[in-house]
C-alpha atoms as a PDB file:
ATOM      1  CA  MET A   1     107.629  69.775 135.841  1.00  0.00           C
ATOM      2  CA  THR A   2     109.760  72.885 136.052  1.00  0.00           C
ATOM      3  CA  GLU A   3     110.076  74.332 132.695  1.00  0.00           C
ATOM      4  CA  ARG A   4     113.673  74.633 131.410  1.00  0.00           C
ATOM      5  CA  PRO A   5     115.024  75.099 128.093  1.00  0.00           C
ATOM      6  CA  ALA A   6     116.195  72.196 126.378  1.00  0.00           C
ATOM      7  CA  GLY A   7     120.191  71.667 125.806  1.00  0.00           C
ATOM      8  CA  PRO A   8     121.319  71.956 121.958  1.00  0.00           C
ATOM      9  CA  ASP A   9     120.991  68.212 121.536  1.00  0.00           C
ATOM     10  CA  PRO A  10     119.329  66.041 124.281  1.00  0.00           C
ATOM     11  CA  LEU A  11     119.933  63.068 122.176  1.00  0.00           C
ATOM     12  CA  ARG A  12     123.510  63.309 121.888  1.00  0.00           C
ATOM     13  CA  ALA A  13     124.954  61.008 124.656  1.00  0.00           C
ATOM     14  CA  CYS A  14     121.821  58.241 123.827  1.00  0.00           C
ATOM     15  CA  ARG A  15     122.908  58.516 119.968  1.00  0.00           C
ATOM     16  CA  ALA A  16     126.360  57.577 120.735  1.00  0.00           C
ATOM     17  CA  ARG A  17     125.717  54.704 122.945  1.00  0.00           C
ATOM     18  CA  ALA A  18     123.116  53.449 120.176  1.00  0.00           C
ATOM     19  CA  GLU A  19     125.315  53.954 117.436  1.00  0.00           C
ATOM     20  CA  ALA A  20     128.133  51.631 119.318  1.00  0.00           C
ATOM     21  CA  ALA A  21     125.424  49.066 119.790  1.00  0.00           C
ATOM     22  CA  LEU A  22     124.238  49.002 116.418  1.00  0.00           C
ATOM     23  CA  ASP A  23     127.662  48.653 114.896  1.00  0.00           C
ATOM     24  CA  ALA A  24     128.616  45.991 117.175  1.00  0.00           C
ATOM     25  CA  LEU A  25     125.559  43.836 115.693  1.00  0.00           C
ATOM     26  CA  PHE A  26     127.578  43.329 112.476  1.00  0.00           C
ATOM     27  CA  ALA A  27     130.514  41.831 114.417  1.00  0.00           C
ATOM     28  CA  GLY A  28     128.277  39.423 115.992  1.00  0.00           C
ATOM     29  CA  ASP A  29     126.655  35.938 114.907  1.00  0.00           C
ATOM     30  CA  LEU A  30     123.125  37.635 114.424  1.00  0.00           C
ATOM     31  CA  VAL A  31     124.476  39.291 111.420  1.00  0.00           C
ATOM     32  CA  GLY A  32     128.111  38.298 110.890  1.00  0.00           C
ATOM     33  CA  ASP A  33     127.312  35.562 108.554  1.00  0.00           C
ATOM     34  CA  ALA A  34     124.419  36.806 106.338  1.00  0.00           C
ATOM     35  CA  ASP A  35     124.853  37.035 102.571  1.00  0.00           C
ATOM     36  CA  PRO A  36     127.492  39.756 101.979  1.00  0.00           C
ATOM     37  CA  ARG A  37     125.471  41.957  99.770  1.00  0.00           C
ATOM     38  CA  LEU A  38     122.305  41.638 102.041  1.00  0.00           C
ATOM     39  CA  ARG A  39     124.599  42.466 104.915  1.00  0.00           C
ATOM     40  CA  ALA A  40     126.152  45.542 103.173  1.00  0.00           C
ATOM     41  CA  ALA A  41     122.543  46.718 102.634  1.00  0.00           C
ATOM     42  CA  MET A  42     121.302  46.036 106.094  1.00  0.00           C
ATOM     43  CA  ARG A  43     124.467  47.762 107.560  1.00  0.00           C
ATOM     44  CA  TYR A  44     124.310  50.739 105.109  1.00  0.00           C
ATOM     45  CA  SER A  45     120.923  51.693 106.122  1.00  0.00           C
ATOM     46  CA  LEU A  46     121.138  51.222 109.739  1.00  0.00           C
ATOM     47  CA  LEU A  47     124.308  52.916 110.122  1.00  0.00           C
ATOM     48  CA  ALA A  48     123.599  55.761 107.788  1.00  0.00           C
ATOM     49  CA  GLY A  49     122.898  57.957 110.817  1.00  0.00           C
ATOM     50  CA  GLY A  50     119.817  59.739 112.092  1.00  0.00           C
ATOM     51  CA  LYS A  51     118.601  61.247 115.303  1.00  0.00           C
ATOM     52  CA  ARG A  52     118.120  57.642 117.090  1.00  0.00           C
ATOM     53  CA  LEU A  53     115.370  59.307 118.831  1.00  0.00           C
ATOM     54  CA  ARG A  54     113.392  55.831 119.620  1.00  0.00           C
ATOM     55  CA  PRO A  55     116.624  54.202 121.341  1.00  0.00           C
ATOM     56  CA  ALA A  56     116.812  57.522 123.453  1.00  0.00           C
ATOM     57  CA  LEU A  57     113.356  57.476 124.314  1.00  0.00           C
ATOM     58  CA  LEU A  58     113.826  53.882 125.590  1.00  0.00           C
ATOM     59  CA  TYR A  59     117.018  54.811 127.642  1.00  0.00           C
ATOM     60  CA  ALA A  60     115.446  57.825 129.109  1.00  0.00           C
ATOM     61  CA  ALA A  61     112.151  56.154 129.975  1.00  0.00           C
ATOM     62  CA  ALA A  62     113.857  53.346 131.893  1.00  0.00           C
ATOM     63  CA  ASP A  63     116.153  55.766 133.766  1.00  0.00           C
ATOM     64  CA  ALA A  64     112.778  57.935 134.615  1.00  0.00           C
ATOM     65  CA  VAL A  65     111.126  55.125 136.190  1.00  0.00           C
ATOM     66  CA  GLY A  66     114.241  53.988 138.186  1.00  0.00           C
ATOM     67  CA  GLY A  67     116.705  52.349 135.852  1.00  0.00           C
ATOM     68  CA  SER A  68     116.654  49.221 133.498  1.00  0.00           C
ATOM     69  CA  ARG A  69     116.511  45.893 135.245  1.00  0.00           C
ATOM     70  CA  ALA A  70     118.316  44.371 132.506  1.00  0.00           C
ATOM     71  CA  SER A  71     122.078  44.420 131.653  1.00  0.00           C
ATOM     72  CA  ARG A  72     123.543  47.271 129.889  1.00  0.00           C
ATOM     73  CA  ALA A  73     124.059  44.799 126.971  1.00  0.00           C
ATOM     74  CA  ASP A  74     120.560  43.622 127.024  1.00  0.00           C
ATOM     75  CA  THR A  75     119.169  47.135 127.321  1.00  0.00           C
ATOM     76  CA  ASP A  76     121.231  48.072 124.448  1.00  0.00           C
ATOM     77  CA  ARG A  77     119.820  45.090 122.526  1.00  0.00           C
ATOM     78  CA  ALA A  78     116.128  46.388 123.183  1.00  0.00           C
ATOM     79  CA  ALA A  79     117.184  49.852 122.026  1.00  0.00           C
ATOM     80  CA  CYS A  80     118.726  48.316 118.758  1.00  0.00           C
ATOM     81  CA  ALA A  81     115.617  46.070 118.221  1.00  0.00           C
ATOM     82  CA  ILE A  82     113.434  49.395 118.144  1.00  0.00           C
ATOM     83  CA  GLU A  83     116.111  51.067 115.463  1.00  0.00           C
ATOM     84  CA  CYS A  84     115.999  48.025 113.331  1.00  0.00           C
ATOM     85  CA  ILE A  85     112.127  48.362 113.067  1.00  0.00           C
ATOM     86  CA  HIS A  86     112.351  51.843 112.253  1.00  0.00           C
ATOM     87  CA  THR A  87     114.939  51.515 109.664  1.00  0.00           C
ATOM     88  CA  TYR A  88     113.339  48.619 107.977  1.00  0.00           C
ATOM     89  CA  SER A  89     110.076  51.009 107.607  1.00  0.00           C
ATOM     90  CA  LEU A  90     112.410  53.743 106.275  1.00  0.00           C
ATOM     91  CA  ILE A  91     113.842  51.402 103.446  1.00  0.00           C
ATOM     92  CA  HIS A  92     110.422  49.971 102.732  1.00  0.00           C
ATOM     93  CA  ASP A  93     108.702  53.604 102.799  1.00  0.00           C
ATOM     94  CA  ASP A  94     111.282  54.789 100.380  1.00  0.00           C
ATOM     95  CA  LEU A  95     110.702  52.171  97.571  1.00  0.00           C
ATOM     96  CA  PRO A  96     109.232  52.961  94.168  1.00  0.00           C
ATOM     97  CA  ALA A  97     105.709  51.351  95.151  1.00  0.00           C
ATOM     98  CA  MET A  98     105.646  53.581  98.245  1.00  0.00           C
ATOM     99  CA  ASP A  99     107.156  57.174  98.303  1.00  0.00           C
ATOM    100  CA  ASP A 100     109.863  56.496  95.692  1.00  0.00           C
ATOM    101  CA  ASP A 101     112.453  58.627  97.369  1.00  0.00           C
ATOM    102  CA  ASP A 102     116.125  59.275  96.315  1.00  0.00           C
ATOM    103  CA  LEU A 103     117.625  60.520  99.551  1.00  0.00           C
ATOM    104  CA  ARG A 104     117.352  59.254 103.481  1.00  0.00           C
ATOM    105  CA  ARG A 105     119.404  60.461 106.059  1.00  0.00           C
ATOM    106  CA  GLY A 106     121.753  62.504 103.666  1.00  0.00           C
ATOM    107  CA  VAL A 107     122.573  59.416 101.277  1.00  0.00           C
ATOM    108  CA  PRO A 108     120.926  57.667  98.660  1.00  0.00           C
ATOM    109  CA  THR A 109     117.965  55.482  99.665  1.00  0.00           C
ATOM    110  CA  CYS A 110     118.602  51.921  99.876  1.00  0.00           C
ATOM    111  CA  HIS A 111     117.139  50.746  96.768  1.00  0.00           C
ATOM    112  CA  ARG A 112     119.373  53.454  94.852  1.00  0.00           C
ATOM    113  CA  ALA A 113     122.454  52.518  96.451  1.00  0.00           C
ATOM    114  CA  PHE A 114     121.880  48.604  95.956  1.00  0.00           C
ATOM    115  CA  ASP A 115     118.711  47.745  94.081  1.00  0.00           C
ATOM    116  CA  GLU A 116     115.015  47.272  94.783  1.00  0.00           C
ATOM    117  CA  ALA A 117     114.989  43.479  95.406  1.00  0.00           C
ATOM    118  CA  THR A 118     117.970  43.801  98.072  1.00  0.00           C
ATOM    119  CA  ALA A 119     116.270  46.850  99.636  1.00  0.00           C
ATOM    120  CA  ILE A 120     113.175  44.678 100.158  1.00  0.00           C
ATOM    121  CA  LEU A 121     115.237  41.983 101.777  1.00  0.00           C
ATOM    122  CA  ALA A 122     117.181  44.302 103.765  1.00  0.00           C
ATOM    123  CA  GLY A 123     114.188  45.525 105.367  1.00  0.00           C
ATOM    124  CA  ASP A 124     112.735  42.045 105.706  1.00  0.00           C
ATOM    125  CA  ALA A 125     115.776  41.186 107.449  1.00  0.00           C
ATOM    126  CA  LEU A 126     116.014  44.019 109.970  1.00  0.00           C
ATOM    127  CA  GLN A 127     112.447  43.263 110.884  1.00  0.00           C
ATOM    128  CA  ALA A 128     113.215  39.660 111.813  1.00  0.00           C
ATOM    129  CA  LEU A 129     116.494  40.785 113.718  1.00  0.00           C
ATOM    130  CA  ALA A 130     114.402  43.065 115.872  1.00  0.00           C
ATOM    131  CA  PHE A 131     112.808  39.904 117.540  1.00  0.00           C
ATOM    132  CA  GLU A 132     115.490  38.034 117.478  1.00  0.00           C
ATOM    133  CA  LEU A 133     117.435  40.517 119.501  1.00  0.00           C
ATOM    134  CA  LEU A 134     114.752  40.478 122.010  1.00  0.00           C
ATOM    135  CA  CYS A 135     114.757  36.688 122.231  1.00  0.00           C
ATOM    136  CA  SER A 136     118.452  36.831 122.988  1.00  0.00           C
ATOM    137  CA  LEU A 137     118.254  38.794 126.253  1.00  0.00           C
ATOM    138  CA  ASP A 138     119.777  36.865 128.822  1.00  0.00           C
ATOM    139  CA  SER A 139     119.369  39.170 132.035  1.00  0.00           C
ATOM    140  CA  VAL A 140     115.843  39.162 132.140  1.00  0.00           C
ATOM    141  CA  ASP A 141     113.025  36.761 132.625  1.00  0.00           C
ATOM    142  CA  GLY A 142     110.839  35.290 130.162  1.00  0.00           C
ATOM    143  CA  ALA A 143     107.806  37.119 131.067  1.00  0.00           C
ATOM    144  CA  LEU A 144     109.584  40.424 130.463  1.00  0.00           C
ATOM    145  CA  ALA A 145     111.252  39.362 127.297  1.00  0.00           C
ATOM    146  CA  LEU A 146     107.782  38.272 125.898  1.00  0.00           C
ATOM    147  CA  ALA A 147     106.376  41.694 127.083  1.00  0.00           C
ATOM    148  CA  LEU A 148     108.878  43.347 125.356  1.00  0.00           C
ATOM    149  CA  ALA A 149     108.401  41.548 121.924  1.00  0.00           C
ATOM    150  CA  GLY A 150     104.550  41.832 122.267  1.00  0.00           C
ATOM    151  CA  THR A 151     104.996  45.570 122.803  1.00  0.00           C
ATOM    152  CA  LEU A 152     107.097  46.011 119.726  1.00  0.00           C
ATOM    153  CA  ALA A 153     104.870  43.496 117.587  1.00  0.00           C
ATOM    154  CA  ARG A 154     101.540  45.328 118.254  1.00  0.00           C
ATOM    155  CA  ALA A 155     103.311  48.832 117.409  1.00  0.00           C
ATOM    156  CA  SER A 156     104.856  47.723 114.325  1.00  0.00           C
ATOM    157  CA  GLY A 157     101.854  45.783 112.505  1.00  0.00           C
ATOM    158  CA  SER A 158      98.205  46.418 111.319  1.00  0.00           C
ATOM    159  CA  ARG A 159      97.349  47.967 114.731  1.00  0.00           C
ATOM    160  CA  GLY A 160     100.290  50.129 114.622  1.00  0.00           C
ATOM    161  CA  MET A 161     103.118  51.536 112.140  1.00  0.00           C
ATOM    162  CA  VAL A 162     101.899  49.246 109.101  1.00  0.00           C
ATOM    163  CA  GLY A 163      98.231  50.159 109.637  1.00  0.00           C
ATOM    164  CA  GLY A 164      98.918  53.919 109.583  1.00  0.00           C
ATOM    165  CA  GLN A 165     101.101  53.533 106.382  1.00  0.00           C
ATOM    166  CA  ALA A 166      97.960  51.739 104.782  1.00  0.00           C
ATOM    167  CA  ILE A 167      95.736  54.676 105.827  1.00  0.00           C
ATOM    168  CA  ASP A 168      98.400  57.237 104.191  1.00  0.00           C
ATOM    169  CA  VAL A 169      98.768  55.094 100.809  1.00  0.00           C
ATOM    170  CA  ALA A 170      95.072  55.240 100.724  1.00  0.00           C
ATOM    171  CA  HIS A 171      94.667  58.856 101.276  1.00  0.00           C
ATOM    172  CA  VAL A 172      97.366  60.166  98.479  1.00  0.00           C
ATOM    173  CA  GLY A 173      95.510  62.625  96.198  1.00  0.00           C
ATOM    174  CA  HIS A 174      92.425  62.512  98.391  1.00  0.00           C
ATOM    175  CA  ALA A 175      90.848  64.709 100.764  1.00  0.00           C
ATOM    176  CA  ILE A 176      91.027  63.627 104.387  1.00  0.00           C
ATOM    177  CA  ASP A 177      89.707  64.896 107.603  1.00  0.00           C
ATOM    178  CA  ALA A 178      91.486  65.971 110.738  1.00  0.00           C
ATOM    179  CA  ALA A 179      90.410  62.806 112.917  1.00  0.00           C
ATOM    180  CA  THR A 180      91.829  60.549 109.975  1.00  0.00           C
ATOM    181  CA  LEU A 181      94.964  62.471 109.658  1.00  0.00           C
ATOM    182  CA  GLN A 182      95.556  62.359 113.397  1.00  0.00           C
ATOM    183  CA  ARG A 183      94.682  58.578 113.404  1.00  0.00           C
ATOM    184  CA  MET A 184      97.062  57.955 110.461  1.00  0.00           C
ATOM    185  CA  HIS A 185      99.981  59.532 112.366  1.00  0.00           C
ATOM    186  CA  GLU A 186      99.325  58.063 115.602  1.00  0.00           C
ATOM    187  CA  LEU A 187      99.660  54.754 113.936  1.00  0.00           C
ATOM    188  CA  LYS A 188     102.271  55.408 111.328  1.00  0.00           C
ATOM    189  CA  THR A 189     104.599  57.329 113.878  1.00  0.00           C
ATOM    190  CA  GLY A 190     103.221  57.567 117.306  1.00  0.00           C
ATOM    191  CA  ALA A 191     103.125  53.890 117.742  1.00  0.00           C
ATOM    192  CA  LEU A 192     106.643  53.079 117.386  1.00  0.00           C
ATOM    193  CA  ILE A 193     107.804  56.065 119.420  1.00  0.00           C
ATOM    194  CA  GLY A 194     104.992  54.721 122.168  1.00  0.00           C
ATOM    195  CA  ALA A 195     106.562  51.210 122.154  1.00  0.00           C
ATOM    196  CA  ALA A 196     110.006  52.594 122.780  1.00  0.00           C
ATOM    197  CA  LEU A 197     108.755  54.316 125.796  1.00  0.00           C
ATOM    198  CA  THR A 198     106.823  51.527 126.878  1.00  0.00           C
ATOM    199  CA  MET A 199     109.765  48.886 126.444  1.00  0.00           C
ATOM    200  CA  GLY A 200     111.993  51.483 128.494  1.00  0.00           C
ATOM    201  CA  ALA A 201     109.319  51.431 131.243  1.00  0.00           C
ATOM    202  CA  GLN A 202     108.863  47.877 131.419  1.00  0.00           C
ATOM    203  CA  LEU A 203     112.651  47.389 131.538  1.00  0.00           C
ATOM    204  CA  GLY A 204     112.438  49.871 134.753  1.00  0.00           C
ATOM    205  CA  GLY A 205     109.760  47.757 136.073  1.00  0.00           C
ATOM    206  CA  ALA A 206     107.123  50.418 136.133  1.00  0.00           C
ATOM    207  CA  GLY A 207     103.896  49.898 137.641  1.00  0.00           C
ATOM    208  CA  PRO A 208     100.418  50.843 136.136  1.00  0.00           C
ATOM    209  CA  GLY A 209     100.312  54.459 137.345  1.00  0.00           C
ATOM    210  CA  THR A 210     103.783  55.131 135.830  1.00  0.00           C
ATOM    211  CA  LEU A 211     102.941  53.247 132.806  1.00  0.00           C
ATOM    212  CA  ALA A 212      99.942  55.376 132.285  1.00  0.00           C
ATOM    213  CA  ALA A 213     101.896  58.654 132.562  1.00  0.00           C
ATOM    214  CA  ILE A 214     104.459  57.522 130.150  1.00  0.00           C
ATOM    215  CA  ASP A 215     101.525  56.275 127.773  1.00  0.00           C
ATOM    216  CA  ALA A 216     100.043  60.041 127.925  1.00  0.00           C
ATOM    217  CA  TYR A 217     103.680  61.440 127.243  1.00  0.00           C
ATOM    218  CA  ALA A 218     103.974  59.074 124.213  1.00  0.00           C
ATOM    219  CA  ARG A 219     100.619  59.989 122.693  1.00  0.00           C
ATOM    220  CA  ALA A 220     101.502  63.727 122.632  1.00  0.00           C
ATOM    221  CA  LEU A 221     104.968  63.360 121.679  1.00  0.00           C
ATOM    222  CA  GLY A 222     104.436  61.034 118.879  1.00  0.00           C
ATOM    223  CA  LEU A 223     101.930  63.428 117.383  1.00  0.00           C
ATOM    224  CA  ALA A 224     103.959  66.376 117.819  1.00  0.00           C
ATOM    225  CA  PHE A 225     107.019  64.684 116.138  1.00  0.00           C
ATOM    226  CA  GLN A 226     104.882  64.198 112.982  1.00  0.00           C
ATOM    227  CA  VAL A 227     103.270  67.518 112.916  1.00  0.00           C
ATOM    228  CA  GLN A 228     106.833  69.137 113.260  1.00  0.00           C
ATOM    229  CA  ASP A 229     107.899  66.594 110.114  1.00  0.00           C
ATOM    230  CA  ASP A 230     104.987  67.990 108.246  1.00  0.00           C
ATOM    231  CA  VAL A 231     106.387  71.604 108.972  1.00  0.00           C
ATOM    232  CA  LEU A 232     109.875  70.771 108.028  1.00  0.00           C
ATOM    233  CA  ASP A 233     109.000  68.995 104.548  1.00  0.00           C
ATOM    234  CA  ALA A 234     107.020  71.955 103.774  1.00  0.00           C
ATOM    235  CA  SER A 235     109.843  74.603 104.886  1.00  0.00           C
ATOM    236  CA  GLY A 236     113.288  72.880 105.307  1.00  0.00           C
ATOM    237  CA  ASP A 237     116.150  72.227 102.819  1.00  0.00           C
ATOM    238  CA  VAL A 238     117.709  69.072 101.745  1.00  0.00           C
ATOM    239  CA  SER A 239     121.212  69.875 103.342  1.00  0.00           C
ATOM    240  CA  THR A 240     119.521  70.242 106.829  1.00  0.00           C
ATOM    241  CA  LEU A 241     116.769  67.486 106.374  1.00  0.00           C
ATOM    242  CA  GLY A 242     118.799  64.837 104.692  1.00  0.00           C
ATOM    243  CA  LYS A 243     115.876  63.985 102.299  1.00  0.00           C
ATOM    244  CA  THR A 244     113.977  65.748  99.585  1.00  0.00           C
ATOM    245  CA  PRO A 245     111.788  68.629 101.069  1.00  0.00           C
ATOM    246  CA  GLY A 246     108.362  69.388  99.501  1.00  0.00           C
ATOM    247  CA  ALA A 247     108.037  65.702  98.620  1.00  0.00           C
ATOM    248  CA  ASP A 248     104.642  65.260 100.554  1.00  0.00           C
ATOM    249  CA  ALA A 249     103.137  68.320  98.437  1.00  0.00           C
ATOM    250  CA  ALA A 250     104.490  67.000  95.371  1.00  0.00           C
ATOM    251  CA  ARG A 251     102.619  63.529  95.772  1.00  0.00           C
ATOM    252  CA  THR A 252      99.703  65.208  97.206  1.00  0.00           C
ATOM    253  CA  LYS A 253      99.808  63.609 100.470  1.00  0.00           C
ATOM    254  CA  PRO A 254      97.854  64.845 103.444  1.00  0.00           C
ATOM    255  CA  THR A 255      99.765  66.617 106.023  1.00  0.00           C
ATOM    256  CA  TYR A 256      99.132  68.925 108.997  1.00  0.00           C
ATOM    257  CA  VAL A 257     100.477  72.028 106.970  1.00  0.00           C
ATOM    258  CA  THR A 258      97.780  71.365 104.299  1.00  0.00           C
ATOM    259  CA  LEU A 259      95.224  71.088 106.808  1.00  0.00           C
ATOM    260  CA  LEU A 260      96.099  73.639 109.365  1.00  0.00           C
ATOM    261  CA  GLY A 261      98.429  75.934 107.338  1.00  0.00           C
ATOM    262  CA  GLU A 262     102.292  76.239 108.529  1.00  0.00           C
ATOM    263  CA  ARG A 263     101.537  78.654 111.354  1.00  0.00           C
ATOM    264  CA  GLY A 264      98.554  76.391 112.596  1.00  0.00           C
ATOM    265  CA  ALA A 265     100.805  73.365 112.356  1.00  0.00           C
ATOM    266  CA  ARG A 266     103.471  75.142 114.782  1.00  0.00           C
ATOM    267  CA  ASP A 267     101.099  76.255 117.071  1.00  0.00           C
ATOM    268  CA  PHE A 268      99.643  72.633 117.219  1.00  0.00           C
ATOM    269  CA  ALA A 269     102.995  70.972 117.862  1.00  0.00           C
ATOM    270  CA  ALA A 270     103.634  73.623 120.574  1.00  0.00           C
ATOM    271  CA  GLY A 271     100.404  72.678 122.193  1.00  0.00           C
ATOM    272  CA  LEU A 272     101.303  68.679 122.059  1.00  0.00           C
ATOM    273  CA  CYS A 273     104.523  69.709 123.476  1.00  0.00           C
ATOM    274  CA  ALA A 274     102.888  71.379 126.508  1.00  0.00           C
ATOM    275  CA  GLN A 275     100.679  68.202 127.060  1.00  0.00           C
ATOM    276  CA  ALA A 276     103.758  65.974 126.844  1.00  0.00           C
ATOM    277  CA  LEU A 277     105.566  67.987 129.576  1.00  0.00           C
ATOM    278  CA  ALA A 278     102.377  67.815 131.853  1.00  0.00           C
ATOM    279  CA  ALA A 279     101.981  64.015 131.498  1.00  0.00           C
ATOM    280  CA  LEU A 280     105.464  63.789 132.928  1.00  0.00           C
ATOM    281  CA  ALA A 281     104.759  65.663 136.079  1.00  0.00           C
ATOM    282  CA  PRO A 282     104.033  62.552 138.350  1.00  0.00           C
ATOM    283  CA  LEU A 283     107.371  61.214 137.567  1.00  0.00           C
ATOM    284  CA  GLY A 284     109.128  64.348 138.991  1.00  0.00           C
ATOM    285  CA  ALA A 285     112.577  65.404 138.118  1.00  0.00           C
ATOM    286  CA  ALA A 286     113.887  61.878 137.022  1.00  0.00           C
ATOM    287  CA  ALA A 287     111.626  62.758 133.855  1.00  0.00           C
ATOM    288  CA  ALA A 288     113.728  65.835 132.913  1.00  0.00           C
ATOM    289  CA  PRO A 289     115.635  64.084 130.114  1.00  0.00           C
ATOM    290  CA  LEU A 290     112.215  63.101 128.523  1.00  0.00           C
ATOM    291  CA  ALA A 291     110.998  66.527 128.899  1.00  0.00           C
ATOM    292  CA  ASP A 292     114.221  67.894 127.158  1.00  0.00           C
ATOM    293  CA  ILE A 293     113.461  65.463 124.326  1.00  0.00           C
ATOM    294  CA  ALA A 294     109.789  66.930 123.932  1.00  0.00           C
ATOM    295  CA  ARG A 295     111.092  70.379 123.609  1.00  0.00           C
ATOM    296  CA  PHE A 296     113.792  69.195 121.119  1.00  0.00           C
ATOM    297  CA  VAL A 297     111.299  67.583 118.975  1.00  0.00           C
ATOM    298  CA  VAL A 298     109.087  70.569 118.270  1.00  0.00           C
ATOM    299  CA  GLU A 299     112.212  72.862 117.922  1.00  0.00           C
ATOM    300  CA  ARG A 300     114.341  70.676 115.876  1.00  0.00           C
ATOM    301  CA  ASP A 301     115.322  71.565 112.035  1.00  0.00           C
ATOM    302  CA  ARG A 302     115.792  68.090 110.648  1.00  0.00           C
END
């Protein structure tokens, strides 16, 4: 794939599309009749902003393999499902029993803005909503809807995001080797990023060879994203990050900066970006937006 610099924000158009779809959820039957306080907490966290990287990856992957076979509305529902899972994980990650954070996406965390019990319930509700959204797709056959739900479930649970979080919790204050740190982040961060890409490719009807290329890209990108997150936690500021910097070091959590140093971590992220770009070569020019996202991930400042 030809090298070319990423634009200032390759996520901009996808972010706008995802934001509109997420906002529309609260006008519909799936959320509209929920308990008012619970609904407010769900909306507060889901619409607090953010990069919307995972929906953008779903859209870009579908386009890279020939375009979504689902309607635009159903493609948006699948993208919203990914973001519901991601936001639920952030709400729970910020809780006092986990990271006990005060800020997320530049505003007070859900348990600070509401209360701990409401935050737990809001996260639970968003997790369930994700799968309800995938069950409501009406422009694809049942086999594809089931495949999408299976992809998201595997990436979200004990073999994916939650499994990575368990490794993280177990190693707070303890030494960790490079292999375990990589495995932790492949699960905690990379699994859901991979699910977004796989779901986009599934919606586009990708065959085994194309899915393999998307998977190789996803593995490199997911780890690169986390390495850059570790760099930013060590070097960023609260106004840019939208969350408290230095939190990992304060909790003696293992990171790539503590393992490799900041320069080493930046070099590692750059190498992973190169791997991601190389994985896209079989997809040709259609994968250019995915290439731009990979560069953005390792060049971003938040």
